[in-house]
Amino acid sequence: MSDAHSVLAHHFDNLEQQREAGTLGMWIFLVTEVLFFGGLFTAYTIYRMLYPVAFADASLHLDTTLGAINTAVLICSSLTMALAVYGSQVGNRMLLILCLLLTIVLGAAFLGIKFTEYAHKFAEHLVPGSAFSYGKPELRQQAELFFSLYFAMTGLHALHMVIGVGILAVLVFQAWRGHFSPVYYAPVELTGLYWHFVDIVWIFLFPLLYLIGLHLGGASHV
């Protein structure tokens, strides 16, 4: 196990001060992420108010079942991430490694489902651009705008997921080498904050993108 001296940076007096500084830095970073996603959410809100019918109709072309499964997957990943943090805090290395691996598997499952959805949209010519095709010509431009926001918002979220999975893989390697202990677990805890933030973003994306067309009667794909 690492002792306090080996993991304490020279510019901190003790590990608690180092942990508090790291936590503050992570929260500041997450605030900038809120601003980043906030721009997309603002654009979505404005255009949805301008084109409510077109956005609701375009939403019917998204697979609600896959979206719901992905929501459940991410909720489970938040649980395994929380258990990983707990494992690091109590010094249970096997619990830590197991829960980190489970979180990676769940994150990979989410990405796999999301890329499957993207493949379906390419096959249905619902990707914005010259090949975009929509069954209702009068709604074509507004629907293309919806899918532009869909790919931008979910694509940015998926990128954060990929980064998170990469960080988790590094933590697994470090945990296997006994890098963490009840004295030093800050990297696991900070990664947990990041992972929970990414999960929360999806909790907002799912209803805003997938569920807004349900009141139209669940029409089938055009």
Protein backbone atom coordinates (compact mmCIF):
# COMPACT_ATOMS: atom_id res chain seq x y z
CA MET A 1 0.00 0.00 0.00
CA SER A 2 1.14 3.56 -0.66
CA ASP A 3 2.02 5.55 2.42
CA ALA A 4 1.14 9.18 2.98
CA HIS A 5 4.60 10.45 2.09
CA SER A 6 4.73 8.78 -1.34
CA VAL A 7 1.42 10.25 -2.58
CA LEU A 8 1.60 13.70 -0.97
CA ALA A 9 2.54 16.43 -3.45
CA HIS A 10 5.27 18.73 -2.24
CA HIS A 11 3.10 21.86 -2.31
CA PHE A 12 0.54 20.48 0.18
CA ASP A 13 0.93 20.22 3.94
CA ASN A 14 -1.02 16.98 4.28
CA LEU A 15 -3.23 14.55 2.39
CA GLU A 16 -6.47 16.12 3.60
CA GLN A 17 -5.44 19.49 2.19
CA GLN A 18 -4.46 17.79 -1.06
CA ARG A 19 -7.81 15.99 -1.21
CA GLU A 20 -9.77 19.18 -0.56
CA ALA A 21 -7.86 21.01 -3.30
CA GLY A 22 -8.52 18.18 -5.74
CA THR A 23 -12.22 18.15 -4.86
CA LEU A 24 -12.47 21.91 -5.36
CA GLY A 25 -10.71 21.60 -8.70
CA MET A 26 -13.10 18.88 -9.84
CA TRP A 27 -16.17 20.90 -8.87
CA ILE A 28 -14.81 23.91 -10.77
CA PHE A 29 -14.25 21.67 -13.79
CA LEU A 30 -17.80 20.31 -13.54
CA VAL A 31 -19.16 23.87 -13.42
CA THR A 32 -17.42 24.57 -16.74
CA GLU A 33 -18.96 21.36 -18.08
CA VAL A 34 -22.40 22.58 -17.01
CA LEU A 35 -21.78 25.76 -19.01
CA PHE A 36 -20.60 23.65 -21.96
CA PHE A 37 -23.70 21.46 -22.02
CA GLY A 38 -25.82 24.45 -21.02
CA GLY A 39 -25.28 26.07 -24.41
CA LEU A 40 -26.68 23.01 -26.16
CA PHE A 41 -29.61 22.76 -23.75
CA THR A 42 -30.37 26.44 -24.33
CA ALA A 43 -30.33 25.99 -28.11
CA TYR A 44 -32.57 22.94 -27.76
CA THR A 45 -35.04 24.85 -25.57
CA ILE A 46 -35.27 27.79 -27.98
CA TYR A 47 -35.78 25.68 -31.09
CA ARG A 48 -38.20 23.34 -29.41
CA MET A 49 -40.33 26.34 -28.45
CA LEU A 50 -40.19 27.56 -32.05
CA TYR A 51 -40.94 24.16 -33.64
CA PRO A 52 -42.80 22.04 -31.07
CA VAL A 53 -44.70 19.90 -33.59
CA ALA A 54 -41.66 19.10 -35.72
CA PHE A 55 -39.51 18.26 -32.68
CA ALA A 56 -42.19 15.98 -31.24
CA ASP A 57 -42.64 14.25 -34.58
CA ALA A 58 -38.89 13.79 -35.10
CA SER A 59 -38.57 12.39 -31.58
CA LEU A 60 -40.78 9.47 -32.64
CA HIS A 61 -37.92 8.26 -34.84
CA LEU A 62 -35.76 7.61 -31.78
CA ASP A 63 -35.83 4.16 -30.18
CA THR A 64 -37.38 4.76 -26.76
CA THR A 65 -36.69 1.18 -25.67
CA LEU A 66 -32.96 1.47 -26.32
CA GLY A 67 -32.92 4.86 -24.65
CA ALA A 68 -34.65 3.45 -21.57
CA ILE A 69 -32.24 0.51 -21.44
CA ASN A 70 -29.31 2.91 -21.61
CA THR A 71 -30.84 4.94 -18.78
CA ALA A 72 -31.06 1.82 -16.62
CA VAL A 73 -27.48 0.90 -17.56
CA LEU A 74 -26.17 4.28 -16.46
CA ILE A 75 -28.11 4.20 -13.19
CA CYS A 76 -26.54 0.82 -12.44
CA SER A 77 -23.12 2.20 -13.35
CA SER A 78 -23.60 5.01 -10.83
CA LEU A 79 -24.22 2.35 -8.17
CA THR A 80 -21.11 0.37 -9.08
CA MET A 81 -19.06 3.59 -9.16
CA ALA A 82 -20.31 4.54 -5.70
CA LEU A 83 -19.39 1.06 -4.44
CA ALA A 84 -15.94 1.45 -5.97
CA VAL A 85 -15.44 4.69 -4.03
CA TYR A 86 -16.59 2.92 -0.87
CA GLY A 87 -14.20 0.06 -1.54
CA SER A 88 -11.29 2.49 -1.86
CA GLN A 89 -12.27 4.28 1.35
CA VAL A 90 -12.38 1.11 3.46
CA GLY A 91 -9.33 -0.45 1.85
CA ASN A 92 -11.18 -3.33 0.16
CA ARG A 93 -9.05 -3.67 -2.97
CA MET A 94 -11.03 -6.55 -4.51
CA LEU A 95 -14.33 -4.68 -4.13
CA LEU A 96 -12.71 -1.61 -5.64
CA ILE A 97 -11.34 -3.49 -8.65
CA LEU A 98 -14.55 -5.48 -9.19
CA CYS A 99 -16.78 -2.39 -9.10
CA LEU A 100 -14.45 -0.41 -11.35
CA LEU A 101 -14.54 -3.26 -13.89
CA LEU A 102 -18.33 -3.48 -13.65
CA THR A 103 -18.57 0.27 -14.23
CA ILE A 104 -16.36 -0.09 -17.31
CA VAL A 105 -18.54 -2.92 -18.63
CA LEU A 106 -21.71 -0.89 -18.09
CA GLY A 107 -20.13 2.17 -19.71
CA ALA A 108 -19.06 0.07 -22.70
CA ALA A 109 -22.58 -1.38 -22.92
CA PHE A 110 -24.03 2.13 -22.99
CA LEU A 111 -21.68 3.15 -25.79
CA GLY A 112 -22.45 -0.01 -27.74
CA ILE A 113 -26.18 0.66 -27.58
CA LYS A 114 -25.67 4.30 -28.50
CA PHE A 115 -23.54 3.45 -31.54
CA THR A 116 -26.21 0.92 -32.56
CA GLU A 117 -28.73 3.76 -32.48
CA TYR A 118 -26.42 5.89 -34.59
CA ALA A 119 -26.12 3.07 -37.13
CA HIS A 120 -29.91 2.91 -37.36
CA LYS A 121 -30.08 6.65 -38.02
CA PHE A 122 -27.52 6.36 -40.83
CA ALA A 123 -29.52 3.50 -42.34
CA GLU A 124 -32.73 5.56 -42.13
CA HIS A 125 -31.03 8.64 -43.66
CA LEU A 126 -31.75 10.70 -40.55
CA VAL A 127 -28.22 12.08 -40.23
CA PRO A 128 -28.17 15.84 -41.03
CA GLY A 129 -26.55 16.61 -44.35
CA SER A 130 -27.11 16.15 -48.05
CA ALA A 131 -28.42 12.60 -47.58
CA PHE A 132 -30.99 13.57 -44.94
CA SER A 133 -34.45 12.26 -45.79
CA TYR A 134 -37.70 12.78 -43.93
CA GLY A 135 -41.13 11.38 -44.70
CA LYS A 136 -42.93 14.65 -44.09
CA PRO A 137 -41.49 17.30 -46.46
CA GLU A 138 -43.19 20.15 -44.61
CA LEU A 139 -41.26 19.25 -41.46
CA ARG A 140 -37.97 18.31 -43.09
CA GLN A 141 -35.91 21.38 -42.15
CA GLN A 142 -37.13 21.48 -38.56
CA ALA A 143 -36.62 17.71 -38.19
CA GLU A 144 -33.07 18.03 -39.51
CA LEU A 145 -32.47 20.69 -36.85
CA PHE A 146 -33.75 18.28 -34.20
CA PHE A 147 -31.37 15.57 -35.33
CA SER A 148 -28.50 18.05 -35.47
CA LEU A 149 -29.09 18.77 -31.79
CA TYR A 150 -29.60 15.07 -31.08
CA PHE A 151 -26.23 14.10 -32.52
CA ALA A 152 -24.46 17.09 -30.97
CA MET A 153 -25.85 16.48 -27.47
CA THR A 154 -25.63 12.70 -27.39
CA GLY A 155 -22.30 12.71 -29.24
CA LEU A 156 -20.75 15.07 -26.71
CA HIS A 157 -22.14 12.93 -23.92
CA ALA A 158 -20.72 9.78 -25.54
CA LEU A 159 -17.31 11.45 -25.78
CA HIS A 160 -17.42 12.10 -22.04
CA MET A 161 -18.32 8.45 -21.52
CA VAL A 162 -15.31 7.31 -23.58
CA ILE A 163 -13.02 9.56 -21.54
CA GLY A 164 -14.57 8.23 -18.32
CA VAL A 165 -14.05 4.60 -19.35
CA GLY A 166 -10.41 5.39 -20.14
CA ILE A 167 -9.89 6.95 -16.71
CA LEU A 168 -11.54 3.96 -15.05
CA ALA A 169 -9.16 1.62 -16.87
CA VAL A 170 -6.22 3.56 -15.45
CA LEU A 171 -7.73 3.32 -11.96
CA VAL A 172 -8.10 -0.45 -12.30
CA PHE A 173 -4.40 -0.73 -13.14
CA GLN A 174 -3.45 1.48 -10.21
CA ALA A 175 -5.78 -0.36 -7.83
CA TRP A 176 -4.32 -3.71 -8.91
CA ARG A 177 -0.88 -2.39 -7.96
CA GLY A 178 -2.16 -1.33 -4.53
CA HIS A 179 -1.98 2.37 -5.22
CA PHE A 180 -5.04 3.24 -3.11
CA SER A 181 -5.78 2.84 0.59
CA PRO A 182 -8.08 4.32 3.27
CA VAL A 183 -5.45 7.04 3.57
CA TYR A 184 -5.31 7.85 -0.15
CA TYR A 185 -8.34 7.36 -2.42
CA ALA A 186 -8.88 10.85 -3.86
CA PRO A 187 -8.50 9.85 -7.57
CA VAL A 188 -11.26 7.26 -7.24
CA GLU A 189 -13.53 9.72 -5.43
CA LEU A 190 -12.95 12.48 -7.99
CA THR A 191 -13.55 10.11 -10.88
CA GLY A 192 -16.80 9.15 -9.16
CA LEU A 193 -17.90 12.79 -9.20
CA TYR A 194 -17.14 13.01 -12.91
CA TRP A 195 -18.98 9.77 -13.66
CA HIS A 196 -22.07 10.80 -11.70
CA PHE A 197 -22.13 14.13 -13.54
CA VAL A 198 -22.09 12.37 -16.91
CA ASP A 199 -24.91 10.10 -15.73
CA ILE A 200 -26.99 13.07 -14.60
CA VAL A 201 -26.58 14.74 -18.00
CA TRP A 202 -28.11 11.64 -19.62
CA ILE A 203 -31.02 11.71 -17.16
CA PHE A 204 -31.89 15.08 -18.71
CA LEU A 205 -31.15 14.07 -22.30
CA PHE A 206 -33.37 11.00 -22.27
CA PRO A 207 -36.74 12.69 -21.66
CA LEU A 208 -35.87 15.81 -23.66
CA LEU A 209 -34.96 13.84 -26.77
CA TYR A 210 -36.83 10.54 -26.55
CA LEU A 211 -40.11 11.23 -24.77
CA ILE A 212 -41.38 14.52 -26.17
CA GLY A 213 -43.31 12.85 -29.00
CA LEU A 214 -45.29 10.37 -26.91
CA HIS A 215 -48.34 12.62 -26.82
CA LEU A 216 -48.64 12.26 -30.60
CA GLY A 217 -49.82 8.70 -30.11
CA GLY A 218 -46.65 6.71 -30.59
CA ALA A 219 -46.66 6.88 -34.37
CA SER A 220 -44.37 4.43 -36.11
CA HIS A 221 -41.28 5.39 -38.11
CA VAL A 222 -42.01 7.06 -41.41
